[in-house]
Amino acid sequence: MSPQYNDMMQDLLVKLLLGEATPEEQATVQAWIAASEENNRIFLQTKKLWEESRQLAATRPIDVDAAWLRMQQRLQPKDTAPVVPVKKAFNYSWLRIAALFIVLAGGIWWALSTQQEGAEPVRSLALQTTTQPISDTLPDGSIVTLNKASRINYPSKFSGNTRAIALQGEAFFDVAPNKDQPFVITVNDVTVRVVGTSFNIRSEGSKTEVIVETGIVQVMRHNKVVELKPKEKIVVQPQDSVLQKEAVADQLHNYYRTKEFVCDNTPLWKLVEVLNEAYGSNIVIGRNSLRNLPLNTTFYNEPLDNILTVISATFDIEVVRKDDAIVLQ
């Protein structure tokens, strides 16, 4: 493992333990931990040192300069000149002192440095989209299609007991079968576990939706587990205490992958919601009586104006453009 990568992981692990890591950085750390048993061991050891340092800091005064000097002497090669203590002005809380000097300089450095020399490093990779969906193949042969404004973090090589992925946004996974190494995806506070199957995951804020196309998918949260089969889905909200699955009524979730809007007795409000997302539009339903009108048709890669024309003709409603809004009335 390269020194540059060691430094990066040191920084990210400390930020995670301090509670200062961004969602993107949290996903990077989660993917790195899951990349190998060795990484998981390092994390657990670092976390243990962190917890011990908090207890120590709560019961004893910390001499920052002395601690820093001891750590420098510990890390310094034996054939170099001795370290001369330099007084520094520190204005950190005991929490940051404990993290930076006890955990970072000590536990993390030592743990990362003890990894096998010469072994090819397992790097943390990321696949990210902006305005267009993309598809790619993961190291195990699984295929992922990311919707726009989405991101996954994953290791350059899957090792250990699982194939771990961290997701932000929305993605469709066609997972290569491997019973000995389940595919595990972390999104928000939900964990999705599969062996070989295809399914869609969408996170919107703190809400998570999982829809299964083939195979069986386990969805886990707070020690609760539910199994989803084809044409079943689950929507998990932060306040939910029960995991409740339901039948999938349409295939609109596939639009970014298939370029199709498949409506099967689909209420107008739901199609409008997806159209706004897909086209970046601002379609508004002007009357509540129109919201649940059912639509049965398929639009394939159609311009938005064509779709609006069909909706207008089907329900005999008017399409009015007002400023940046398209009003159905």
C-alpha atoms as a PDB file:
ATOM      1  CA  MET A   1       0.000   0.000   0.000  1.00  0.00           C
ATOM      2  CA  SER A   2       1.468   3.339  -1.054  1.00  0.00           C
ATOM      3  CA  PRO A   3       2.371   6.051   1.490  1.00  0.00           C
ATOM      4  CA  GLN A   4       0.006   8.442  -0.288  1.00  0.00           C
ATOM      5  CA  TYR A   5      -2.869   6.035   0.145  1.00  0.00           C
ATOM      6  CA  ASN A   6      -1.923   5.481   3.785  1.00  0.00           C
ATOM      7  CA  ASP A   7      -2.102   9.217   4.376  1.00  0.00           C
ATOM      8  CA  MET A   8      -5.471   9.481   2.654  1.00  0.00           C
ATOM      9  CA  MET A   9      -6.997   6.670   4.693  1.00  0.00           C
ATOM     10  CA  GLN A  10      -5.529   8.100   7.901  1.00  0.00           C
ATOM     11  CA  ASP A  11      -7.275  11.392   7.245  1.00  0.00           C
ATOM     12  CA  LEU A  12     -10.585   9.763   6.317  1.00  0.00           C
ATOM     13  CA  LEU A  13     -10.611   7.392   9.294  1.00  0.00           C
ATOM     14  CA  VAL A  14      -9.948  10.241  11.709  1.00  0.00           C
ATOM     15  CA  LYS A  15     -12.682  12.388  10.127  1.00  0.00           C
ATOM     16  CA  LEU A  16     -15.085   9.446  10.388  1.00  0.00           C
ATOM     17  CA  LEU A  17     -14.313   8.904  14.070  1.00  0.00           C
ATOM     18  CA  LEU A  18     -14.651  12.626  14.753  1.00  0.00           C
ATOM     19  CA  GLY A  19     -18.048  12.655  13.053  1.00  0.00           C
ATOM     20  CA  GLU A  20     -16.804  15.155  10.458  1.00  0.00           C
ATOM     21  CA  ALA A  21     -16.744  12.921   7.347  1.00  0.00           C
ATOM     22  CA  THR A  22     -19.023  13.881   4.467  1.00  0.00           C
ATOM     23  CA  PRO A  23     -21.424  11.237   3.047  1.00  0.00           C
ATOM     24  CA  GLU A  24     -18.997  10.774   0.140  1.00  0.00           C
ATOM     25  CA  GLU A  25     -16.065  10.250   2.506  1.00  0.00           C
ATOM     26  CA  GLN A  26     -18.117   7.853   4.634  1.00  0.00           C
ATOM     27  CA  ALA A  27     -18.874   5.815   1.517  1.00  0.00           C
ATOM     28  CA  THR A  28     -15.175   5.724   0.608  1.00  0.00           C
ATOM     29  CA  VAL A  29     -14.247   4.415   4.048  1.00  0.00           C
ATOM     30  CA  GLN A  30     -17.030   1.812   3.991  1.00  0.00           C
ATOM     31  CA  ALA A  31     -15.854   0.506   0.616  1.00  0.00           C
ATOM     32  CA  TRP A  32     -12.235   0.408   1.830  1.00  0.00           C
ATOM     33  CA  ILE A  33     -13.188  -1.491   5.005  1.00  0.00           C
ATOM     34  CA  ALA A  34     -15.116  -4.063   2.995  1.00  0.00           C
ATOM     35  CA  ALA A  35     -12.315  -4.503   0.447  1.00  0.00           C
ATOM     36  CA  SER A  36     -10.384  -7.000   2.589  1.00  0.00           C
ATOM     37  CA  GLU A  37     -10.255  -8.722   5.961  1.00  0.00           C
ATOM     38  CA  GLU A  38      -7.033  -6.819   6.668  1.00  0.00           C
ATOM     39  CA  ASN A  39      -8.733  -3.461   6.145  1.00  0.00           C
ATOM     40  CA  ASN A  40     -11.584  -4.519   8.404  1.00  0.00           C
ATOM     41  CA  ARG A  41      -9.058  -5.571  11.070  1.00  0.00           C
ATOM     42  CA  ILE A  42      -7.347  -2.197  10.818  1.00  0.00           C
ATOM     43  CA  PHE A  43     -10.631  -0.341  11.199  1.00  0.00           C
ATOM     44  CA  LEU A  44     -11.715  -2.368  14.222  1.00  0.00           C
ATOM     45  CA  GLN A  45      -8.319  -1.892  15.859  1.00  0.00           C
ATOM     46  CA  THR A  46      -8.385   1.832  15.132  1.00  0.00           C
ATOM     47  CA  LYS A  47     -11.901   2.160  16.514  1.00  0.00           C
ATOM     48  CA  LYS A  48     -10.836   0.341  19.675  1.00  0.00           C
ATOM     49  CA  LEU A  49      -7.872   2.700  20.124  1.00  0.00           C
ATOM     50  CA  TRP A  50     -10.170   5.642  19.534  1.00  0.00           C
ATOM     51  CA  GLU A  51     -12.623   4.509  22.198  1.00  0.00           C
ATOM     52  CA  GLU A  52      -9.820   3.883  24.656  1.00  0.00           C
ATOM     53  CA  SER A  53      -8.364   7.313  23.953  1.00  0.00           C
ATOM     54  CA  ARG A  54     -11.700   8.958  24.700  1.00  0.00           C
ATOM     55  CA  GLN A  55     -11.876   7.202  28.054  1.00  0.00           C
ATOM     56  CA  LEU A  56      -8.295   8.207  28.809  1.00  0.00           C
ATOM     57  CA  ALA A  57      -8.898  11.823  27.840  1.00  0.00           C
ATOM     58  CA  ALA A  58     -11.956  11.978  30.036  1.00  0.00           C
ATOM     59  CA  THR A  59     -10.047  10.890  33.150  1.00  0.00           C
ATOM     60  CA  ARG A  60      -6.550  12.365  32.695  1.00  0.00           C
ATOM     61  CA  PRO A  61      -5.147  15.719  31.635  1.00  0.00           C
ATOM     62  CA  ILE A  62      -3.384  15.592  28.270  1.00  0.00           C
ATOM     63  CA  ASP A  63       0.094  17.033  27.776  1.00  0.00           C
ATOM     64  CA  VAL A  64      -0.123  17.641  24.023  1.00  0.00           C
ATOM     65  CA  ASP A  65       3.542  18.539  23.516  1.00  0.00           C
ATOM     66  CA  ALA A  66       4.760  15.501  25.428  1.00  0.00           C
ATOM     67  CA  ALA A  67       2.400  13.194  23.572  1.00  0.00           C
ATOM     68  CA  TRP A  68       3.485  14.615  20.224  1.00  0.00           C
ATOM     69  CA  LEU A  69       7.173  14.204  21.101  1.00  0.00           C
ATOM     70  CA  ARG A  70       6.685  10.605  22.194  1.00  0.00           C
ATOM     71  CA  MET A  71       4.862   9.813  18.970  1.00  0.00           C
ATOM     72  CA  GLN A  72       7.557  11.429  16.823  1.00  0.00           C
ATOM     73  CA  GLN A  73      10.238   9.421  18.614  1.00  0.00           C
ATOM     74  CA  ARG A  74       8.233   6.254  18.092  1.00  0.00           C
ATOM     75  CA  LEU A  75       7.862   6.831  14.373  1.00  0.00           C
ATOM     76  CA  GLN A  76      11.359   8.217  13.752  1.00  0.00           C
ATOM     77  CA  PRO A  77      13.974   5.889  12.182  1.00  0.00           C
ATOM     78  CA  LYS A  78      16.682   4.922  14.674  1.00  0.00           C
ATOM     79  CA  ASP A  79      19.587   6.305  12.598  1.00  0.00           C
ATOM     80  CA  THR A  80      18.259   9.871  12.443  1.00  0.00           C
ATOM     81  CA  ALA A  81      18.930  12.734  14.809  1.00  0.00           C
ATOM     82  CA  PRO A  82      16.807  12.892  17.948  1.00  0.00           C
ATOM     83  CA  VAL A  83      13.667  14.969  17.872  1.00  0.00           C
ATOM     84  CA  VAL A  84      13.923  18.386  19.497  1.00  0.00           C
ATOM     85  CA  PRO A  85      10.673  19.350  21.177  1.00  0.00           C
ATOM     86  CA  VAL A  86       9.063  22.494  19.797  1.00  0.00           C
ATOM     87  CA  LYS A  87       6.410  24.300  21.764  1.00  0.00           C
ATOM     88  CA  LYS A  88       3.231  24.714  19.768  1.00  0.00           C
ATOM     89  CA  ALA A  89       0.108  26.660  20.521  1.00  0.00           C
ATOM     90  CA  PHE A  90      -2.826  24.240  20.396  1.00  0.00           C
ATOM     91  CA  ASN A  91      -6.432  25.221  20.662  1.00  0.00           C
ATOM     92  CA  TYR A  92      -8.051  21.839  20.110  1.00  0.00           C
ATOM     93  CA  SER A  93     -10.704  20.197  22.226  1.00  0.00           C
ATOM     94  CA  TRP A  94      -9.669  17.000  23.985  1.00  0.00           C
ATOM     95  CA  LEU A  95     -11.653  15.100  21.356  1.00  0.00           C
ATOM     96  CA  ARG A  96      -9.527  16.331  18.461  1.00  0.00           C
ATOM     97  CA  ILE A  97      -6.309  15.924  20.462  1.00  0.00           C
ATOM     98  CA  ALA A  98      -7.189  12.329  21.251  1.00  0.00           C
ATOM     99  CA  ALA A  99      -8.047  11.602  17.628  1.00  0.00           C
ATOM    100  CA  LEU A 100      -5.082  13.292  15.999  1.00  0.00           C
ATOM    101  CA  PHE A 101      -2.311  12.262  18.382  1.00  0.00           C
ATOM    102  CA  ILE A 102      -3.432   8.979  19.889  1.00  0.00           C
ATOM    103  CA  VAL A 103      -5.404   7.477  17.029  1.00  0.00           C
ATOM    104  CA  LEU A 104      -3.979   8.981  13.853  1.00  0.00           C
ATOM    105  CA  ALA A 105      -0.278   9.118  14.680  1.00  0.00           C
ATOM    106  CA  GLY A 106      -0.355   5.904  16.672  1.00  0.00           C
ATOM    107  CA  GLY A 107      -2.949   3.278  15.881  1.00  0.00           C
ATOM    108  CA  ILE A 108      -3.745   4.043  12.247  1.00  0.00           C
ATOM    109  CA  TRP A 109      -0.113   4.590  11.193  1.00  0.00           C
ATOM    110  CA  TRP A 110       1.010   1.394  12.859  1.00  0.00           C
ATOM    111  CA  ALA A 111      -1.866  -0.676  11.508  1.00  0.00           C
ATOM    112  CA  LEU A 112      -1.470   0.513   7.923  1.00  0.00           C
ATOM    113  CA  SER A 113       2.310   0.124   8.089  1.00  0.00           C
ATOM    114  CA  THR A 114       2.050  -3.524   9.131  1.00  0.00           C
ATOM    115  CA  GLN A 115       0.281  -4.578   5.948  1.00  0.00           C
ATOM    116  CA  GLN A 116       2.206  -6.975   3.742  1.00  0.00           C
ATOM    117  CA  GLU A 117       4.935  -5.210   1.805  1.00  0.00           C
ATOM    118  CA  GLY A 118       4.968  -5.684  -1.929  1.00  0.00           C
ATOM    119  CA  ALA A 119       1.338  -6.747  -2.183  1.00  0.00           C
ATOM    120  CA  GLU A 120      -0.734  -4.971  -4.807  1.00  0.00           C
ATOM    121  CA  PRO A 121      -2.829  -2.321  -3.021  1.00  0.00           C
ATOM    122  CA  VAL A 122      -6.598  -2.573  -3.037  1.00  0.00           C
ATOM    123  CA  ARG A 123      -7.680   0.909  -4.065  1.00  0.00           C
ATOM    124  CA  SER A 124     -10.992   2.589  -3.386  1.00  0.00           C
ATOM    125  CA  LEU A 125     -12.648   3.482  -6.690  1.00  0.00           C
ATOM    126  CA  ALA A 126     -15.613   5.673  -7.494  1.00  0.00           C
ATOM    127  CA  LEU A 127     -18.060   5.838 -10.376  1.00  0.00           C
ATOM    128  CA  GLN A 128     -20.031   9.065 -10.582  1.00  0.00           C
ATOM    129  CA  THR A 129     -22.545  10.656 -12.939  1.00  0.00           C
ATOM    130  CA  THR A 130     -23.633  14.238 -13.462  1.00  0.00           C
ATOM    131  CA  THR A 131     -26.311  14.865 -16.090  1.00  0.00           C
ATOM    132  CA  GLN A 132     -26.420  11.510 -17.910  1.00  0.00           C
ATOM    133  CA  PRO A 133     -26.752   7.865 -16.788  1.00  0.00           C
ATOM    134  CA  ILE A 134     -23.789   5.539 -17.410  1.00  0.00           C
ATOM    135  CA  SER A 135     -23.131   1.784 -17.236  1.00  0.00           C
ATOM    136  CA  ASP A 136     -19.963   0.026 -16.167  1.00  0.00           C
ATOM    137  CA  THR A 137     -18.658  -3.386 -15.164  1.00  0.00           C
ATOM    138  CA  LEU A 138     -17.419  -3.960 -11.617  1.00  0.00           C
ATOM    139  CA  PRO A 139     -14.342  -6.078 -10.732  1.00  0.00           C
ATOM    140  CA  ASP A 140     -16.465  -9.223 -10.214  1.00  0.00           C
ATOM    141  CA  GLY A 141     -18.258  -8.921 -13.571  1.00  0.00           C
ATOM    142  CA  SER A 142     -21.424  -7.388 -12.141  1.00  0.00           C
ATOM    143  CA  ILE A 143     -22.927  -4.607 -14.254  1.00  0.00           C
ATOM    144  CA  VAL A 144     -24.133  -1.360 -12.739  1.00  0.00           C
ATOM    145  CA  THR A 145     -26.131   1.415 -14.398  1.00  0.00           C
ATOM    146  CA  LEU A 146     -26.034   4.706 -12.528  1.00  0.00           C
ATOM    147  CA  ASN A 147     -28.793   7.272 -12.936  1.00  0.00           C
ATOM    148  CA  LYS A 148     -27.703  10.898 -13.246  1.00  0.00           C
ATOM    149  CA  ALA A 149     -26.354  12.676 -10.141  1.00  0.00           C
ATOM    150  CA  SER A 150     -25.406   9.357  -8.531  1.00  0.00           C
ATOM    151  CA  ARG A 151     -22.235   7.744  -7.207  1.00  0.00           C
ATOM    152  CA  ILE A 152     -20.901   4.387  -6.026  1.00  0.00           C
ATOM    153  CA  ASN A 153     -17.697   3.617  -4.126  1.00  0.00           C
ATOM    154  CA  TYR A 154     -16.133   0.171  -4.406  1.00  0.00           C
ATOM    155  CA  PRO A 155     -12.729  -1.541  -4.068  1.00  0.00           C
ATOM    156  CA  SER A 156     -10.535  -2.267  -7.080  1.00  0.00           C
ATOM    157  CA  LYS A 157     -10.667  -5.928  -6.066  1.00  0.00           C
ATOM    158  CA  PHE A 158     -13.330  -7.732  -4.066  1.00  0.00           C
ATOM    159  CA  SER A 159     -11.794  -9.831  -1.302  1.00  0.00           C
ATOM    160  CA  GLY A 160     -12.891 -11.164   2.056  1.00  0.00           C
ATOM    161  CA  ASN A 161     -16.387 -12.447   2.747  1.00  0.00           C
ATOM    162  CA  THR A 162     -18.415  -9.872   0.809  1.00  0.00           C
ATOM    163  CA  ARG A 163     -18.448  -7.666  -2.281  1.00  0.00           C
ATOM    164  CA  ALA A 164     -19.153  -4.285  -0.706  1.00  0.00           C
ATOM    165  CA  ILE A 165     -20.532  -1.208  -2.474  1.00  0.00           C
ATOM    166  CA  ALA A 166     -21.590   2.172  -1.093  1.00  0.00           C
ATOM    167  CA  LEU A 167     -24.266   4.050  -3.077  1.00  0.00           C
ATOM    168  CA  GLN A 168     -25.525   7.604  -3.247  1.00  0.00           C
ATOM    169  CA  GLY A 169     -28.417   8.330  -5.611  1.00  0.00           C
ATOM    170  CA  GLU A 170     -29.895   5.639  -7.855  1.00  0.00           C
ATOM    171  CA  ALA A 171     -28.491   2.580  -9.600  1.00  0.00           C
ATOM    172  CA  PHE A 172     -29.557  -0.671 -11.231  1.00  0.00           C
ATOM    173  CA  PHE A 173     -27.396  -3.706 -10.430  1.00  0.00           C
ATOM    174  CA  ASP A 174     -27.138  -6.931 -12.436  1.00  0.00           C
ATOM    175  CA  VAL A 175     -25.063  -8.960  -9.984  1.00  0.00           C
ATOM    176  CA  ALA A 176     -22.743 -11.790 -11.036  1.00  0.00           C
ATOM    177  CA  PRO A 177     -23.612 -14.908  -8.962  1.00  0.00           C
ATOM    178  CA  ASN A 178     -21.203 -15.890  -6.173  1.00  0.00           C
ATOM    179  CA  LYS A 179     -22.688 -17.738  -3.204  1.00  0.00           C
ATOM    180  CA  ASP A 180     -19.399 -17.618  -1.319  1.00  0.00           C
ATOM    181  CA  GLN A 181     -19.141 -13.833  -1.553  1.00  0.00           C
ATOM    182  CA  PRO A 182     -22.492 -12.032  -1.265  1.00  0.00           C
ATOM    183  CA  PHE A 183     -22.933  -8.621  -2.850  1.00  0.00           C
ATOM    184  CA  VAL A 184     -23.614  -6.004  -0.162  1.00  0.00           C
ATOM    185  CA  ILE A 185     -24.723  -2.423  -0.811  1.00  0.00           C
ATOM    186  CA  THR A 186     -24.865   0.284   1.838  1.00  0.00           C
ATOM    187  CA  VAL A 187     -27.171   3.255   1.268  1.00  0.00           C
ATOM    188  CA  ASN A 188     -28.306   5.636   4.029  1.00  0.00           C
ATOM    189  CA  ASP A 189     -28.807   3.341   7.049  1.00  0.00           C
ATOM    190  CA  VAL A 190     -30.029   0.428   4.901  1.00  0.00           C
ATOM    191  CA  THR A 191     -28.013  -2.634   3.841  1.00  0.00           C
ATOM    192  CA  VAL A 192     -28.978  -4.667   0.766  1.00  0.00           C
ATOM    193  CA  ARG A 193     -27.534  -8.182   0.449  1.00  0.00           C
ATOM    194  CA  VAL A 194     -27.733 -10.489  -2.581  1.00  0.00           C
ATOM    195  CA  VAL A 195     -25.877 -13.404  -4.192  1.00  0.00           C
ATOM    196  CA  GLY A 196     -26.788 -13.002  -7.860  1.00  0.00           C
ATOM    197  CA  THR A 197     -29.810 -11.046  -9.002  1.00  0.00           C
ATOM    198  CA  SER A 198     -30.949  -7.782 -10.600  1.00  0.00           C
ATOM    199  CA  PHE A 199     -32.569  -4.919  -8.760  1.00  0.00           C
ATOM    200  CA  ASN A 200     -32.880  -1.144  -8.538  1.00  0.00           C
ATOM    201  CA  ILE A 201     -31.926   0.992  -5.524  1.00  0.00           C
ATOM    202  CA  ARG A 202     -32.843   4.625  -5.142  1.00  0.00           C
ATOM    203  CA  SER A 203     -31.981   6.980  -2.309  1.00  0.00           C
ATOM    204  CA  GLU A 204     -33.661  10.363  -2.104  1.00  0.00           C
ATOM    205  CA  GLY A 205     -32.530  12.239   0.964  1.00  0.00           C
ATOM    206  CA  SER A 206     -32.893   9.761   3.799  1.00  0.00           C
ATOM    207  CA  LYS A 207     -35.531   7.677   1.979  1.00  0.00           C
ATOM    208  CA  THR A 208     -34.427   4.393   0.371  1.00  0.00           C
ATOM    209  CA  GLU A 209     -36.342   2.354  -2.232  1.00  0.00           C
ATOM    210  CA  VAL A 210     -35.412  -1.157  -3.428  1.00  0.00           C
ATOM    211  CA  ILE A 211     -37.190  -2.841  -6.373  1.00  0.00           C
ATOM    212  CA  VAL A 212     -36.349  -6.417  -7.435  1.00  0.00           C
ATOM    213  CA  GLU A 213     -36.455  -7.670 -11.022  1.00  0.00           C
ATOM    214  CA  THR A 214     -34.898 -11.147 -10.656  1.00  0.00           C
ATOM    215  CA  GLY A 215     -33.760 -13.343  -7.771  1.00  0.00           C
ATOM    216  CA  ILE A 216     -34.130 -12.669  -4.061  1.00  0.00           C
ATOM    217  CA  VAL A 217     -32.826  -9.608  -2.228  1.00  0.00           C
ATOM    218  CA  GLN A 218     -32.408  -9.149   1.522  1.00  0.00           C
ATOM    219  CA  VAL A 219     -32.991  -5.653   2.899  1.00  0.00           C
ATOM    220  CA  MET A 220     -31.682  -5.042   6.421  1.00  0.00           C
ATOM    221  CA  ARG A 221     -32.068  -2.126   8.814  1.00  0.00           C
ATOM    222  CA  HIS A 222     -31.638  -1.929  12.590  1.00  0.00           C
ATOM    223  CA  ASN A 223     -31.465  -5.743  12.962  1.00  0.00           C
ATOM    224  CA  LYS A 224     -34.668  -6.181  10.949  1.00  0.00           C
ATOM    225  CA  VAL A 225     -34.631  -8.173   7.698  1.00  0.00           C
ATOM    226  CA  VAL A 226     -37.109  -8.565   4.850  1.00  0.00           C
ATOM    227  CA  GLU A 227     -36.743 -10.644   1.669  1.00  0.00           C
ATOM    228  CA  LEU A 228     -37.900  -9.248  -1.648  1.00  0.00           C
ATOM    229  CA  LYS A 229     -38.805 -11.351  -4.681  1.00  0.00           C
ATOM    230  CA  PRO A 230     -39.326 -10.264  -8.313  1.00  0.00           C
ATOM    231  CA  LYS A 231     -41.896  -7.471  -8.753  1.00  0.00           C
ATOM    232  CA  GLU A 232     -41.689  -6.588  -5.074  1.00  0.00           C
ATOM    233  CA  LYS A 233     -40.322  -3.420  -3.529  1.00  0.00           C
ATOM    234  CA  ILE A 234     -39.746  -1.707  -0.213  1.00  0.00           C
ATOM    235  CA  VAL A 235     -39.552   1.975   0.702  1.00  0.00           C
ATOM    236  CA  VAL A 236     -37.691   2.716   3.939  1.00  0.00           C
ATOM    237  CA  GLN A 237     -38.095   6.040   5.737  1.00  0.00           C
ATOM    238  CA  PRO A 238     -36.049   7.136   8.798  1.00  0.00           C
ATOM    239  CA  GLN A 239     -39.126   7.003  11.053  1.00  0.00           C
ATOM    240  CA  ASP A 240     -40.124   3.463   9.987  1.00  0.00           C
ATOM    241  CA  SER A 241     -39.982   0.846  12.739  1.00  0.00           C
ATOM    242  CA  VAL A 242     -41.200  -1.985  10.491  1.00  0.00           C
ATOM    243  CA  LEU A 243     -39.903  -3.096   7.091  1.00  0.00           C
ATOM    244  CA  GLN A 244     -42.976  -3.495   4.887  1.00  0.00           C
ATOM    245  CA  LYS A 245     -42.731  -4.770   1.308  1.00  0.00           C
ATOM    246  CA  GLU A 246     -45.317  -4.248  -1.425  1.00  0.00           C
ATOM    247  CA  ALA A 247     -46.043  -5.207  -5.024  1.00  0.00           C
ATOM    248  CA  VAL A 248     -44.537  -3.180  -7.881  1.00  0.00           C
ATOM    249  CA  ALA A 249     -47.344  -1.606  -9.892  1.00  0.00           C
ATOM    250  CA  ASP A 250     -45.336  -0.308 -12.866  1.00  0.00           C
ATOM    251  CA  GLN A 251     -41.888  -0.190 -14.462  1.00  0.00           C
ATOM    252  CA  LEU A 252     -41.291   3.550 -14.411  1.00  0.00           C
ATOM    253  CA  HIS A 253     -38.177   3.092 -12.272  1.00  0.00           C
ATOM    254  CA  ASN A 254     -36.404   1.631 -15.322  1.00  0.00           C
ATOM    255  CA  TYR A 255     -36.714   4.713 -17.520  1.00  0.00           C
ATOM    256  CA  TYR A 256     -33.072   5.820 -17.172  1.00  0.00           C
ATOM    257  CA  ARG A 257     -31.859   2.354 -18.184  1.00  0.00           C
ATOM    258  CA  THR A 258     -34.366   1.325 -20.877  1.00  0.00           C
ATOM    259  CA  LYS A 259     -35.344   4.794 -22.225  1.00  0.00           C
ATOM    260  CA  GLU A 260     -38.953   3.672 -21.791  1.00  0.00           C
ATOM    261  CA  PHE A 261     -41.787   5.027 -19.686  1.00  0.00           C
ATOM    262  CA  VAL A 262     -44.000   1.979 -19.170  1.00  0.00           C
ATOM    263  CA  CYS A 263     -47.394   2.893 -17.712  1.00  0.00           C
ATOM    264  CA  ASP A 264     -49.600   0.063 -16.461  1.00  0.00           C
ATOM    265  CA  ASN A 265     -52.669   1.639 -14.900  1.00  0.00           C
ATOM    266  CA  THR A 266     -50.255   4.271 -13.634  1.00  0.00           C
ATOM    267  CA  PRO A 267     -51.745   7.378 -11.963  1.00  0.00           C
ATOM    268  CA  LEU A 268     -50.971  10.625 -13.736  1.00  0.00           C
ATOM    269  CA  TRP A 269     -49.209  12.139 -10.713  1.00  0.00           C
ATOM    270  CA  LYS A 270     -46.612   9.365 -10.718  1.00  0.00           C
ATOM    271  CA  LEU A 271     -45.833   9.696 -14.408  1.00  0.00           C
ATOM    272  CA  VAL A 272     -45.515  13.467 -13.984  1.00  0.00           C
ATOM    273  CA  GLU A 273     -43.079  12.955 -11.114  1.00  0.00           C
ATOM    274  CA  VAL A 274     -40.838  10.733 -13.246  1.00  0.00           C
ATOM    275  CA  LEU A 275     -41.082  13.001 -16.301  1.00  0.00           C
ATOM    276  CA  ASN A 276     -39.926  15.977 -14.233  1.00  0.00           C
ATOM    277  CA  GLU A 277     -36.930  13.998 -13.055  1.00  0.00           C
ATOM    278  CA  ALA A 278     -36.059  12.618 -16.484  1.00  0.00           C
ATOM    279  CA  TYR A 279     -36.445  15.847 -18.474  1.00  0.00           C
ATOM    280  CA  GLY A 280     -35.635  18.403 -15.781  1.00  0.00           C
ATOM    281  CA  SER A 281     -39.068  19.915 -16.349  1.00  0.00           C
ATOM    282  CA  ASN A 282     -41.593  21.497 -14.003  1.00  0.00           C
ATOM    283  CA  ILE A 283     -44.905  19.859 -14.881  1.00  0.00           C
ATOM    284  CA  VAL A 284     -47.701  20.771 -12.471  1.00  0.00           C
ATOM    285  CA  ILE A 285     -51.111  19.125 -12.163  1.00  0.00           C
ATOM    286  CA  GLY A 286     -53.514  22.034 -11.933  1.00  0.00           C
ATOM    287  CA  ARG A 287     -56.535  20.155 -10.563  1.00  0.00           C
ATOM    288  CA  ASN A 288     -56.635  17.475  -7.859  1.00  0.00           C
ATOM    289  CA  SER A 289     -59.275  15.595  -9.833  1.00  0.00           C
ATOM    290  CA  LEU A 290     -56.632  14.814 -12.479  1.00  0.00           C
ATOM    291  CA  ARG A 291     -53.994  13.350 -10.149  1.00  0.00           C
ATOM    292  CA  ASN A 292     -55.158   9.726 -10.119  1.00  0.00           C
ATOM    293  CA  LEU A 293     -56.283   9.395 -13.741  1.00  0.00           C
ATOM    294  CA  PRO A 294     -54.887   5.999 -14.894  1.00  0.00           C
ATOM    295  CA  LEU A 295     -52.633   5.758 -17.938  1.00  0.00           C
ATOM    296  CA  ASN A 296     -51.899   2.579 -19.930  1.00  0.00           C
ATOM    297  CA  THR A 297     -49.258   3.116 -22.579  1.00  0.00           C
ATOM    298  CA  THR A 298     -45.526   3.043 -23.272  1.00  0.00           C
ATOM    299  CA  PHE A 299     -43.401   5.990 -24.354  1.00  0.00           C
ATOM    300  CA  TYR A 300     -40.084   5.021 -25.882  1.00  0.00           C
ATOM    301  CA  ASN A 301     -37.398   7.707 -26.009  1.00  0.00           C
ATOM    302  CA  GLU A 302     -40.022  10.327 -26.888  1.00  0.00           C
ATOM    303  CA  PRO A 303     -39.550  14.114 -26.733  1.00  0.00           C
ATOM    304  CA  LEU A 304     -41.417  15.605 -23.788  1.00  0.00           C
ATOM    305  CA  ASP A 305     -43.768  17.562 -26.049  1.00  0.00           C
ATOM    306  CA  ASN A 306     -44.925  14.320 -27.706  1.00  0.00           C
ATOM    307  CA  ILE A 307     -45.683  12.765 -24.329  1.00  0.00           C
ATOM    308  CA  LEU A 308     -47.632  15.829 -23.223  1.00  0.00           C
ATOM    309  CA  THR A 309     -49.639  15.721 -26.451  1.00  0.00           C
ATOM    310  CA  VAL A 310     -50.654  12.101 -25.762  1.00  0.00           C
ATOM    311  CA  ILE A 311     -51.600  12.924 -22.161  1.00  0.00           C
ATOM    312  CA  SER A 312     -53.680  15.877 -23.331  1.00  0.00           C
ATOM    313  CA  ALA A 313     -55.523  13.818 -25.952  1.00  0.00           C
ATOM    314  CA  THR A 314     -56.052  10.826 -23.643  1.00  0.00           C
ATOM    315  CA  PHE A 315     -57.654  12.759 -20.809  1.00  0.00           C
ATOM    316  CA  ASP A 316     -59.006  15.706 -22.808  1.00  0.00           C
ATOM    317  CA  ILE A 317     -57.074  18.212 -20.730  1.00  0.00           C
ATOM    318  CA  GLU A 318     -55.219  21.368 -21.617  1.00  0.00           C
ATOM    319  CA  VAL A 319     -51.447  21.854 -21.439  1.00  0.00           C
ATOM    320  CA  VAL A 320     -50.596  25.452 -20.531  1.00  0.00           C
ATOM    321  CA  ARG A 321     -47.093  26.908 -20.245  1.00  0.00           C
ATOM    322  CA  LYS A 322     -46.715  29.554 -17.549  1.00  0.00           C
ATOM    323  CA  ASP A 323     -43.249  30.989 -17.035  1.00  0.00           C
ATOM    324  CA  ASP A 324     -41.078  27.964 -16.174  1.00  0.00           C
ATOM    325  CA  ALA A 325     -44.035  25.661 -15.407  1.00  0.00           C
ATOM    326  CA  ILE A 326     -46.115  23.324 -17.589  1.00  0.00           C
ATOM    327  CA  VAL A 327     -49.615  23.151 -16.127  1.00  0.00           C
ATOM    328  CA  LEU A 328     -52.030  20.289 -16.861  1.00  0.00           C
ATOM    329  CA  GLN A 329     -55.566  21.606 -16.396  1.00  0.00           C
END
